[in-house]
PDB file of N, CA and C in Angstrom:
ATOM      1  N   UNK A   1     100.735  58.618  98.488  1.00  0.00           N
ATOM      2  CA  UNK A   1     100.084  59.500  99.373  1.00  0.00           C
ATOM      3  C   UNK A   1     101.238  60.831  99.163  1.00  0.00           C
ATOM      4  N   UNK A   2     100.928  62.185  98.937  1.00  0.00           N
ATOM      5  CA  UNK A   2     101.432  63.191  98.636  1.00  0.00           C
ATOM      6  C   UNK A   2     101.484  63.866 100.115  1.00  0.00           C
ATOM      7  N   UNK A   3     103.274  64.684 100.471  1.00  0.00           N
ATOM      8  CA  UNK A   3     103.040  65.331 101.480  1.00  0.00           C
ATOM      9  C   UNK A   3     102.510  66.394 102.345  1.00  0.00           C
ATOM     10  N   UNK A   4     102.420  67.026 102.855  1.00  0.00           N
ATOM     11  CA  UNK A   4     101.677  68.020 103.260  1.00  0.00           C
ATOM     12  C   UNK A   4     102.385  68.924 102.818  1.00  0.00           C
ATOM     13  N   UNK A   5     103.728  69.495 102.170  1.00  0.00           N
ATOM     14  CA  UNK A   5     104.464  70.077 101.212  1.00  0.00           C
ATOM     15  C   UNK A   5     104.144  70.378 100.151  1.00  0.00           C
ATOM     16  N   UNK A   6     103.387  69.059 100.331  1.00  0.00           N
ATOM     17  CA  UNK A   6     103.836  68.494  98.106  1.00  0.00           C
ATOM     18  C   UNK A   6     101.875  69.423  97.904  1.00  0.00           C
ATOM     19  N   UNK A   7     100.800  69.168  98.823  1.00  0.00           N
ATOM     20  CA  UNK A   7      99.769  68.765  98.196  1.00  0.00           C
ATOM     21  C   UNK A   7      99.463  70.529  97.850  1.00  0.00           C
ATOM     22  N   UNK A   8      99.999  71.748  98.934  1.00  0.00           N
ATOM     23  CA  UNK A   8      99.555  73.240  99.185  1.00  0.00           C
ATOM     24  C   UNK A   8     100.961  73.749  98.056  1.00  0.00           C
ATOM     25  N   UNK A   9     100.623  74.418  97.069  1.00  0.00           N
ATOM     26  CA  UNK A   9     101.564  75.292  96.413  1.00  0.00           C
ATOM     27  C   UNK A   9     101.848  76.257  96.944  1.00  0.00           C
ATOM     28  N   UNK A  10     101.337  76.900  96.648  1.00  0.00           N
ATOM     29  CA  UNK A  10     100.929  78.717  97.809  1.00  0.00           C
ATOM     30  C   UNK A  10      99.744  79.301  98.193  1.00  0.00           C
ATOM     31  N   UNK A  11      99.452  79.816  99.353  1.00  0.00           N
ATOM     32  CA  UNK A  11      97.982  80.255  99.189  1.00  0.00           C
ATOM     33  C   UNK A  11      97.653  81.752  97.677  1.00  0.00           C
ATOM     34  N   UNK A  12      96.829  82.148  97.618  1.00  0.00           N
ATOM     35  CA  UNK A  12      96.289  82.570  96.477  1.00  0.00           C
ATOM     36  C   UNK A  12      95.776  84.231  97.132  1.00  0.00           C
ATOM     37  N   UNK A  13      96.786  84.855  97.037  1.00  0.00           N
ATOM     38  CA  UNK A  13      96.226  86.464  97.710  1.00  0.00           C
ATOM     39  C   UNK A  13      95.949  87.658  96.974  1.00  0.00           C
ATOM     40  N   UNK A  14      94.909  87.619  96.459  1.00  0.00           N
ATOM     41  CA  UNK A  14      94.301  88.820  95.241  1.00  0.00           C
ATOM     42  C   UNK A  14      93.497  89.643  95.897  1.00  0.00           C
ATOM     43  N   UNK A  15      92.986  90.779  95.426  1.00  0.00           N
ATOM     44  CA  UNK A  15      92.387  91.617  95.892  1.00  0.00           C
ATOM     45  C   UNK A  15      91.002  90.927  96.054  1.00  0.00           C
ATOM     46  N   UNK A  16      90.290  89.974  95.585  1.00  0.00           N
ATOM     47  CA  UNK A  16      89.154  89.464  95.190  1.00  0.00           C
ATOM     48  C   UNK A  16      89.193  88.724  97.044  1.00  0.00           C
ATOM     49  N   UNK A  17      90.503  87.406  96.753  1.00  0.00           N
ATOM     50  CA  UNK A  17      89.867  86.807  98.034  1.00  0.00           C
ATOM     51  C   UNK A  17      90.135  87.560  98.949  1.00  0.00           C
ATOM     52  N   UNK A  18      90.661  88.597  99.710  1.00  0.00           N
ATOM     53  CA  UNK A  18      91.358  88.591 100.929  1.00  0.00           C
ATOM     54  C   UNK A  18      90.172  90.043 100.634  1.00  0.00           C
ATOM     55  N   UNK A  19      88.971  90.372 100.292  1.00  0.00           N
ATOM     56  CA  UNK A  19      87.792  90.710 100.654  1.00  0.00           C
ATOM     57  C   UNK A  19      87.594  90.513 101.709  1.00  0.00           C
ATOM     58  N   UNK A  20      86.551  91.878 102.710  1.00  0.00           N
ATOM     59  CA  UNK A  20      85.526  91.314 103.619  1.00  0.00           C
ATOM     60  C   UNK A  20      84.756  90.197 104.116  1.00  0.00           C
ATOM     61  N   UNK A  21      84.081  90.515 102.260  1.00  0.00           N
ATOM     62  CA  UNK A  21      83.575  89.492 102.583  1.00  0.00           C
ATOM     63  C   UNK A  21      83.865  87.680 102.776  1.00  0.00           C
ATOM     64  N   UNK A  22      85.176  87.685 102.322  1.00  0.00           N
ATOM     65  CA  UNK A  22      85.538  85.992 102.373  1.00  0.00           C
ATOM     66  C   UNK A  22      86.497  85.982 104.188  1.00  0.00           C
ATOM     67  N   UNK A  23      86.341  87.006 104.474  1.00  0.00           N
ATOM     68  CA  UNK A  23      86.968  87.515 105.845  1.00  0.00           C
ATOM     69  C   UNK A  23      85.701  86.568 106.684  1.00  0.00           C
ATOM     70  N   UNK A  24      84.815  87.710 106.672  1.00  0.00           N
ATOM     71  CA  UNK A  24      83.193  87.135 107.925  1.00  0.00           C
ATOM     72  C   UNK A  24      83.242  85.635 107.345  1.00  0.00           C
ATOM     73  N   UNK A  25      83.522  84.992 106.378  1.00  0.00           N
ATOM     74  CA  UNK A  25      82.697  83.817 105.743  1.00  0.00           C
ATOM     75  C   UNK A  25      84.148  83.007 106.453  1.00  0.00           C
ATOM     76  N   UNK A  26      84.766  83.318 106.545  1.00  0.00           N
ATOM     77  CA  UNK A  26      86.716  82.604 106.704  1.00  0.00           C
ATOM     78  C   UNK A  26      86.853  81.709 106.049  1.00  0.00           C
ATOM     79  N   UNK A  27      87.328  81.873 104.624  1.00  0.00           N
ATOM     80  CA  UNK A  27      87.360  81.577 103.186  1.00  0.00           C
ATOM     81  C   UNK A  27      89.049  81.742 102.672  1.00  0.00           C
ATOM     82  N   UNK A  28      89.365  81.247 102.785  1.00  0.00           N
ATOM     83  CA  UNK A  28      91.270  81.380 101.889  1.00  0.00           C
ATOM     84  C   UNK A  28      91.475  80.253 101.125  1.00  0.00           C
ATOM     85  N   UNK A  29      91.893  81.086 100.298  1.00  0.00           N
ATOM     86  CA  UNK A  29      91.982  80.518  99.137  1.00  0.00           C
ATOM     87  C   UNK A  29      93.153  79.662  98.454  1.00  0.00           C
ATOM     88  N   UNK A  30      94.206  78.742  97.956  1.00  0.00           N
ATOM     89  CA  UNK A  30      94.673  78.223  97.379  1.00  0.00           C
ATOM     90  C   UNK A  30      95.282  77.444  96.107  1.00  0.00           C
ATOM     91  N   UNK A  31      96.439  77.289  95.807  1.00  0.00           N
ATOM     92  CA  UNK A  31      96.545  76.329  95.022  1.00  0.00           C
ATOM     93  C   UNK A  31      96.952  75.264  95.534  1.00  0.00           C
ATOM     94  N   UNK A  32      97.110  74.212  94.772  1.00  0.00           N
ATOM     95  CA  UNK A  32      97.292  72.919  95.426  1.00  0.00           C
ATOM     96  C   UNK A  32      97.447  72.369  94.219  1.00  0.00           C
ATOM     97  N   UNK A  33      97.966  71.331  94.743  1.00  0.00           N
ATOM     98  CA  UNK A  33      98.362  69.761  93.418  1.00  0.00           C
ATOM     99  C   UNK A  33      96.993  69.415  92.225  1.00  0.00           C
ATOM    100  N   UNK A  34      97.397  69.354  91.355  1.00  0.00           N
ATOM    101  CA  UNK A  34      96.229  68.792  90.536  1.00  0.00           C
ATOM    102  C   UNK A  34      95.454  67.771  91.159  1.00  0.00           C
ATOM    103  N   UNK A  35      96.266  66.293  91.684  1.00  0.00           N
ATOM    104  CA  UNK A  35      96.350  65.374  91.928  1.00  0.00           C
ATOM    105  C   UNK A  35      95.523  65.048  92.783  1.00  0.00           C
ATOM    106  N   UNK A  36      95.901  66.059  94.349  1.00  0.00           N
ATOM    107  CA  UNK A  36      95.923  66.218  95.771  1.00  0.00           C
ATOM    108  C   UNK A  36      94.023  66.410  95.452  1.00  0.00           C
ATOM    109  N   UNK A  37      93.329  65.029  96.604  1.00  0.00           N
ATOM    110  CA  UNK A  37      92.117  64.961  96.636  1.00  0.00           C
ATOM    111  C   UNK A  37      90.962  66.218  97.716  1.00  0.00           C
ATOM    112  N   UNK A  38      90.165  66.500  98.165  1.00  0.00           N
ATOM    113  CA  UNK A  38      90.084  67.402  99.360  1.00  0.00           C
ATOM    114  C   UNK A  38      89.929  66.718 100.603  1.00  0.00           C
ATOM    115  N   UNK A  39      89.888  65.445 100.973  1.00  0.00           N
ATOM    116  CA  UNK A  39      90.723  65.429 102.748  1.00  0.00           C
ATOM    117  C   UNK A  39      91.943  65.332 102.070  1.00  0.00           C
ATOM    118  N   UNK A  40      92.825  64.940 101.336  1.00  0.00           N
ATOM    119  CA  UNK A  40      94.242  65.702 101.205  1.00  0.00           C
ATOM    120  C   UNK A  40      94.561  66.777 101.911  1.00  0.00           C
ATOM    121  N   UNK A  41      93.766  68.274 100.846  1.00  0.00           N
ATOM    122  CA  UNK A  41      93.757  69.359 101.147  1.00  0.00           C
ATOM    123  C   UNK A  41      93.277  69.435 102.437  1.00  0.00           C
ATOM    124  N   UNK A  42      92.617  69.642 103.690  1.00  0.00           N
ATOM    125  CA  UNK A  42      92.087  69.281 104.353  1.00  0.00           C
ATOM    126  C   UNK A  42      92.795  69.102 105.229  1.00  0.00           C
ATOM    127  N   UNK A  43      93.487  67.676 105.478  1.00  0.00           N
ATOM    128  CA  UNK A  43      94.834  67.321 106.845  1.00  0.00           C
ATOM    129  C   UNK A  43      96.005  68.505 106.278  1.00  0.00           C
ATOM    130  N   UNK A  44      96.618  68.727 105.097  1.00  0.00           N
ATOM    131  CA  UNK A  44      97.039  69.751 105.367  1.00  0.00           C
ATOM    132  C   UNK A  44      97.504  70.520 105.193  1.00  0.00           C
ATOM    133  N   UNK A  45      95.702  71.684 105.654  1.00  0.00           N
ATOM    134  CA  UNK A  45      95.984  72.748 106.061  1.00  0.00           C
ATOM    135  C   UNK A  45      95.616  73.090 107.466  1.00  0.00           C
ATOM    136  N   UNK A  46      95.101  71.478 108.253  1.00  0.00           N
ATOM    137  CA  UNK A  46      95.496  71.713 109.201  1.00  0.00           C
ATOM    138  C   UNK A  46      96.895  71.458 109.813  1.00  0.00           C
ATOM    139  N   UNK A  47      97.409  70.445 109.145  1.00  0.00           N
ATOM    140  CA  UNK A  47      98.562  70.306 109.880  1.00  0.00           C
ATOM    141  C   UNK A  47      99.793  71.689 109.780  1.00  0.00           C
ATOM    142  N   UNK A  48      99.685  71.792 107.988  1.00  0.00           N
ATOM    143  CA  UNK A  48     100.562  74.020 108.424  1.00  0.00           C
ATOM    144  C   UNK A  48      99.987  75.095 109.257  1.00  0.00           C
ATOM    145  N   UNK A  49      98.843  75.041 109.376  1.00  0.00           N
ATOM    146  CA  UNK A  49      98.504  75.685 110.057  1.00  0.00           C
ATOM    147  C   UNK A  49      97.540  76.313 111.329  1.00  0.00           C
ATOM    148  N   UNK A  50      97.167  74.767 112.177  1.00  0.00           N
ATOM    149  CA  UNK A  50      97.191  73.896 112.946  1.00  0.00           C
ATOM    150  C   UNK A  50      95.447  75.023 113.353  1.00  0.00           C
ATOM    151  N   UNK A  51      94.915  74.573 112.720  1.00  0.00           N
ATOM    152  CA  UNK A  51      93.358  75.024 112.647  1.00  0.00           C
ATOM    153  C   UNK A  51      92.408  73.788 112.191  1.00  0.00           C
ATOM    154  N   UNK A  52      90.909  74.106 112.647  1.00  0.00           N
ATOM    155  CA  UNK A  52      90.010  72.950 111.820  1.00  0.00           C
ATOM    156  C   UNK A  52      89.471  73.502 110.565  1.00  0.00           C
ATOM    157  N   UNK A  53      89.242  72.887 109.520  1.00  0.00           N
ATOM    158  CA  UNK A  53      88.339  73.204 108.487  1.00  0.00           C
ATOM    159  C   UNK A  53      86.732  72.489 108.690  1.00  0.00           C
ATOM    160  N   UNK A  54      86.044  73.114 107.829  1.00  0.00           N
ATOM    161  CA  UNK A  54      84.539  73.115 108.102  1.00  0.00           C
ATOM    162  C   UNK A  54      84.347  72.566 106.692  1.00  0.00           C
ATOM    163  N   UNK A  55      85.069  72.825 105.533  1.00  0.00           N
ATOM    164  CA  UNK A  55      84.570  72.162 104.370  1.00  0.00           C
ATOM    165  C   UNK A  55      85.788  72.630 103.024  1.00  0.00           C
ATOM    166  N   UNK A  56      85.753  72.112 102.576  1.00  0.00           N
ATOM    167  CA  UNK A  56      86.939  72.486 100.911  1.00  0.00           C
ATOM    168  C   UNK A  56      86.301  72.120  99.610  1.00  0.00           C
ATOM    169  N   UNK A  57      86.403  73.456  98.952  1.00  0.00           N
ATOM    170  CA  UNK A  57      85.643  73.579  97.076  1.00  0.00           C
ATOM    171  C   UNK A  57      87.077  73.441  96.329  1.00  0.00           C
ATOM    172  N   UNK A  58      86.785  72.567  95.383  1.00  0.00           N
ATOM    173  CA  UNK A  58      88.261  72.448  94.096  1.00  0.00           C
ATOM    174  C   UNK A  58      87.539  72.815  93.129  1.00  0.00           C
ATOM    175  N   UNK A  59      88.300  73.483  92.391  1.00  0.00           N
ATOM    176  CA  UNK A  59      88.465  74.368  90.847  1.00  0.00           C
ATOM    177  C   UNK A  59      89.712  73.742  89.840  1.00  0.00           C
ATOM    178  N   UNK A  60      88.873  73.078  89.256  1.00  0.00           N
ATOM    179  CA  UNK A  60      90.152  72.381  88.312  1.00  0.00           C
ATOM    180  C   UNK A  60      90.297  73.706  87.003  1.00  0.00           C
ATOM    181  N   UNK A  61      91.600  74.917  86.941  1.00  0.00           N
ATOM    182  CA  UNK A  61      91.330  75.515  86.025  1.00  0.00           C
ATOM    183  C   UNK A  61      92.293  74.876  84.448  1.00  0.00           C
ATOM    184  N   UNK A  62      92.141  74.380  83.437  1.00  0.00           N
ATOM    185  CA  UNK A  62      92.334  75.103  81.873  1.00  0.00           C
ATOM    186  C   UNK A  62      93.427  75.977  81.805  1.00  0.00           C
ATOM    187  N   UNK A  63      94.676  75.666  81.060  1.00  0.00           N
ATOM    188  CA  UNK A  63      96.137  77.071  80.885  1.00  0.00           C
ATOM    189  C   UNK A  63      95.271  77.502  79.288  1.00  0.00           C
ATOM    190  N   UNK A  64      96.127  79.166  79.710  1.00  0.00           N
ATOM    191  CA  UNK A  64      95.153  79.978  78.159  1.00  0.00           C
ATOM    192  C   UNK A  64      95.803  79.706  77.210  1.00  0.00           C
ATOM    193  N   UNK A  65      95.705  79.325  76.307  1.00  0.00           N
ATOM    194  CA  UNK A  65      96.327  79.850  74.807  1.00  0.00           C
ATOM    195  C   UNK A  65      97.250  81.096  74.680  1.00  0.00           C
ATOM    196  N   UNK A  66      98.137  80.964  74.232  1.00  0.00           N
ATOM    197  CA  UNK A  66      98.753  82.388  74.353  1.00  0.00           C
ATOM    198  C   UNK A  66      99.898  82.325  73.137  1.00  0.00           C
ATOM    199  N   UNK A  67     100.188  83.615  72.516  1.00  0.00           N
ATOM    200  CA  UNK A  67     101.331  83.818  71.543  1.00  0.00           C
ATOM    201  C   UNK A  67     102.311  84.603  71.959  1.00  0.00           C
ATOM    202  N   UNK A  68     103.810  83.823  71.624  1.00  0.00           N
ATOM    203  CA  UNK A  68     104.729  84.454  72.083  1.00  0.00           C
ATOM    204  C   UNK A  68     105.417  85.000  70.105  1.00  0.00           C
ATOM    205  N   UNK A  69     105.327  86.068  69.734  1.00  0.00           N
ATOM    206  CA  UNK A  69     105.868  86.353  68.533  1.00  0.00           C
ATOM    207  C   UNK A  69     105.236  85.441  67.444  1.00  0.00           C
ATOM    208  N   UNK A  70     105.604  84.015  67.106  1.00  0.00           N
ATOM    209  CA  UNK A  70     105.113  83.209  65.465  1.00  0.00           C
ATOM    210  C   UNK A  70     105.261  81.885  66.527  1.00  0.00           C
ATOM    211  N   UNK A  71     105.434  81.897  68.039  1.00  0.00           N
ATOM    212  CA  UNK A  71     105.350  80.882  68.737  1.00  0.00           C
ATOM    213  C   UNK A  71     104.203  80.412  69.848  1.00  0.00           C
ATOM    214  N   UNK A  72     103.484  79.445  69.556  1.00  0.00           N
ATOM    215  CA  UNK A  72     102.345  79.646  70.311  1.00  0.00           C
ATOM    216  C   UNK A  72     103.037  78.442  71.544  1.00  0.00           C
ATOM    217  N   UNK A  73     102.154  78.640  72.939  1.00  0.00           N
ATOM    218  CA  UNK A  73     102.128  77.775  73.464  1.00  0.00           C
ATOM    219  C   UNK A  73     100.855  77.941  74.735  1.00  0.00           C
ATOM    220  N   UNK A  74     101.148  77.593  75.806  1.00  0.00           N
ATOM    221  CA  UNK A  74      99.972  77.677  76.785  1.00  0.00           C
ATOM    222  C   UNK A  74     100.311  77.489  78.126  1.00  0.00           C
ATOM    223  N   UNK A  75      99.378  78.525  78.301  1.00  0.00           N
ATOM    224  CA  UNK A  75      99.728  78.200  80.578  1.00  0.00           C
ATOM    225  C   UNK A  75      99.712  76.987  80.802  1.00  0.00           C
ATOM    226  N   UNK A  76     100.475  76.885  82.272  1.00  0.00           N
ATOM    227  CA  UNK A  76     100.185  75.257  83.190  1.00  0.00           C
ATOM    228  C   UNK A  76      98.816  75.312  83.628  1.00  0.00           C
ATOM    229  N   UNK A  77      98.020  74.547  83.790  1.00  0.00           N
ATOM    230  CA  UNK A  77      97.057  73.893  84.611  1.00  0.00           C
ATOM    231  C   UNK A  77      97.083  73.896  85.981  1.00  0.00           C
ATOM    232  N   UNK A  78      96.361  74.313  86.772  1.00  0.00           N
ATOM    233  CA  UNK A  78      95.981  74.494  88.282  1.00  0.00           C
ATOM    234  C   UNK A  78      94.905  73.993  88.455  1.00  0.00           C
ATOM    235  N   UNK A  79      94.837  73.610  90.139  1.00  0.00           N
ATOM    236  CA  UNK A  79      93.939  73.364  90.743  1.00  0.00           C
ATOM    237  C   UNK A  79      93.585  74.806  92.399  1.00  0.00           C
ATOM    238  N   UNK A  80      92.389  74.940  92.475  1.00  0.00           N
ATOM    239  CA  UNK A  80      92.011  76.004  92.776  1.00  0.00           C
ATOM    240  C   UNK A  80      91.503  75.390  94.240  1.00  0.00           C
ATOM    241  N   UNK A  81      92.172  75.795  95.671  1.00  0.00           N
ATOM    242  CA  UNK A  81      90.952  74.976  96.536  1.00  0.00           C
ATOM    243  C   UNK A  81      90.174  76.181  97.141  1.00  0.00           C
ATOM    244  N   UNK A  82      89.819  75.964  97.590  1.00  0.00           N
ATOM    245  CA  UNK A  82      88.890  77.134  98.936  1.00  0.00           C
ATOM    246  C   UNK A  82      88.623  76.229 100.162  1.00  0.00           C
ATOM    247  N   UNK A  83      89.163  77.187 100.982  1.00  0.00           N
ATOM    248  CA  UNK A  83      89.034  76.230 102.576  1.00  0.00           C
ATOM    249  C   UNK A  83      88.058  77.356 103.233  1.00  0.00           C
ATOM    250  N   UNK A  84      86.766  76.157 104.006  1.00  0.00           N
ATOM    251  CA  UNK A  84      86.527  76.944 104.903  1.00  0.00           C
ATOM    252  C   UNK A  84      86.618  76.431 106.510  1.00  0.00           C
ATOM    253  N   UNK A  85      87.020  77.212 106.810  1.00  0.00           N
ATOM    254  CA  UNK A  85      87.369  77.341 108.550  1.00  0.00           C
ATOM    255  C   UNK A  85      86.595  77.319 109.706  1.00  0.00           C
ATOM    256  N   UNK A  86      86.551  76.476 110.601  1.00  0.00           N
ATOM    257  CA  UNK A  86      85.073  76.719 111.332  1.00  0.00           C
ATOM    258  C   UNK A  86      84.801  77.673 112.020  1.00  0.00           C
ATOM    259  N   UNK A  87      84.155  78.767 113.348  1.00  0.00           N
ATOM    260  CA  UNK A  87      83.779  79.621 113.489  1.00  0.00           C
ATOM    261  C   UNK A  87      85.130  80.181 114.282  1.00  0.00           C
ATOM    262  N   UNK A  88      86.141  79.702 114.961  1.00  0.00           N
ATOM    263  CA  UNK A  88      86.272  79.402 115.819  1.00  0.00           C
ATOM    264  C   UNK A  88      88.252  79.745 115.092  1.00  0.00           C
ATOM    265  N   UNK A  89      88.241  79.668 114.293  1.00  0.00           N
ATOM    266  CA  UNK A  89      89.984  79.397 113.905  1.00  0.00           C
ATOM    267  C   UNK A  89      89.953  80.648 112.601  1.00  0.00           C
ATOM    268  N   UNK A  90      90.730  80.841 112.538  1.00  0.00           N
ATOM    269  CA  UNK A  90      91.649  82.003 111.914  1.00  0.00           C
ATOM    270  C   UNK A  90      93.474  81.659 110.901  1.00  0.00           C
ATOM    271  N   UNK A  91      93.511  81.858 109.973  1.00  0.00           N
ATOM    272  CA  UNK A  91      94.839  81.940 109.504  1.00  0.00           C
ATOM    273  C   UNK A  91      95.414  83.839 108.873  1.00  0.00           C
ATOM    274  N   UNK A  92      96.561  83.757 109.539  1.00  0.00           N
ATOM    275  CA  UNK A  92      97.423  84.928 109.425  1.00  0.00           C
ATOM    276  C   UNK A  92      98.450  84.555 108.685  1.00  0.00           C
ATOM    277  N   UNK A  93      99.009  85.123 106.933  1.00  0.00           N
ATOM    278  CA  UNK A  93      99.764  84.815 106.679  1.00  0.00           C
ATOM    279  C   UNK A  93     100.857  86.250 106.855  1.00  0.00           C
ATOM    280  N   UNK A  94     100.803  87.128 106.997  1.00  0.00           N
ATOM    281  CA  UNK A  94     100.770  88.266 107.519  1.00  0.00           C
ATOM    282  C   UNK A  94     102.142  88.592 108.673  1.00  0.00           C
ATOM    283  N   UNK A  95     101.674  87.189 109.485  1.00  0.00           N
ATOM    284  CA  UNK A  95     102.174  87.375 110.781  1.00  0.00           C
ATOM    285  C   UNK A  95     103.711  86.982 110.476  1.00  0.00           C
ATOM    286  N   UNK A  96     104.523  86.598 110.178  1.00  0.00           N
ATOM    287  CA  UNK A  96     105.892  86.172 110.080  1.00  0.00           C
ATOM    288  C   UNK A  96     106.245  87.339 109.930  1.00  0.00           C
ATOM    289  N   UNK A  97     105.543  87.893 108.686  1.00  0.00           N
ATOM    290  CA  UNK A  97     106.644  89.655 107.833  1.00  0.00           C
ATOM    291  C   UNK A  97     106.452  90.587 109.384  1.00  0.00           C
ATOM    292  N   UNK A  98     105.429  90.626 110.266  1.00  0.00           N
ATOM    293  CA  UNK A  98     105.622  91.376 111.085  1.00  0.00           C
ATOM    294  C   UNK A  98     105.934  91.332 111.818  1.00  0.00           C
ATOM    295  N   UNK A  99     106.881  90.230 112.652  1.00  0.00           N
ATOM    296  CA  UNK A  99     107.491  89.754 113.524  1.00  0.00           C
ATOM    297  C   UNK A  99     108.934  90.288 113.065  1.00  0.00           C
ATOM    298  N   UNK A 100     109.412  90.049 112.090  1.00  0.00           N
ATOM    299  CA  UNK A 100     110.741  90.459 111.223  1.00  0.00           C
ATOM    300  C   UNK A 100     110.417  92.125 111.483  1.00  0.00           C
ATOM    301  N   UNK A 101     109.956  92.652 110.830  1.00  0.00           N
ATOM    302  CA  UNK A 101     109.864  93.862 110.978  1.00  0.00           C
ATOM    303  C   UNK A 101     109.920  94.466 111.810  1.00  0.00           C
ATOM    304  N   UNK A 102     109.417  93.935 113.145  1.00  0.00           N
ATOM    305  CA  UNK A 102     109.514  94.701 114.495  1.00  0.00           C
ATOM    306  C   UNK A 102     110.972  94.448 115.112  1.00  0.00           C
ATOM    307  N   UNK A 103     111.952  93.018 114.639  1.00  0.00           N
ATOM    308  CA  UNK A 103     113.319  92.802 114.907  1.00  0.00           C
ATOM    309  C   UNK A 103     114.519  93.675 114.564  1.00  0.00           C
ATOM    310  N   UNK A 104     114.262  94.580 112.989  1.00  0.00           N
ATOM    311  CA  UNK A 104     114.857  95.463 112.451  1.00  0.00           C
ATOM    312  C   UNK A 104     115.017  96.709 113.086  1.00  0.00           C
TER     313      UNK A 104
END
């Protein structure tokens, strides 16, 4: 079994994932371990952020082939999870940054 910090690699914060539609639907996007199951992801998010998860959807992305001069390579494969929280819960990724700015 994977530990909580091995399951979730990082939150996926882009213009699309932070849109008002996703905020209204209470959806958050994460890059996760490719071997993690939906149940692992649910437990990890609940422990890390102290929230209740309604559902988890996952997508597996294959790395695109790239060329660097004469050499061909491939980007890394990754797994993305869309976590929908129950209505009364919210995750604030910027709370720690704001408190650090206030102290300075």
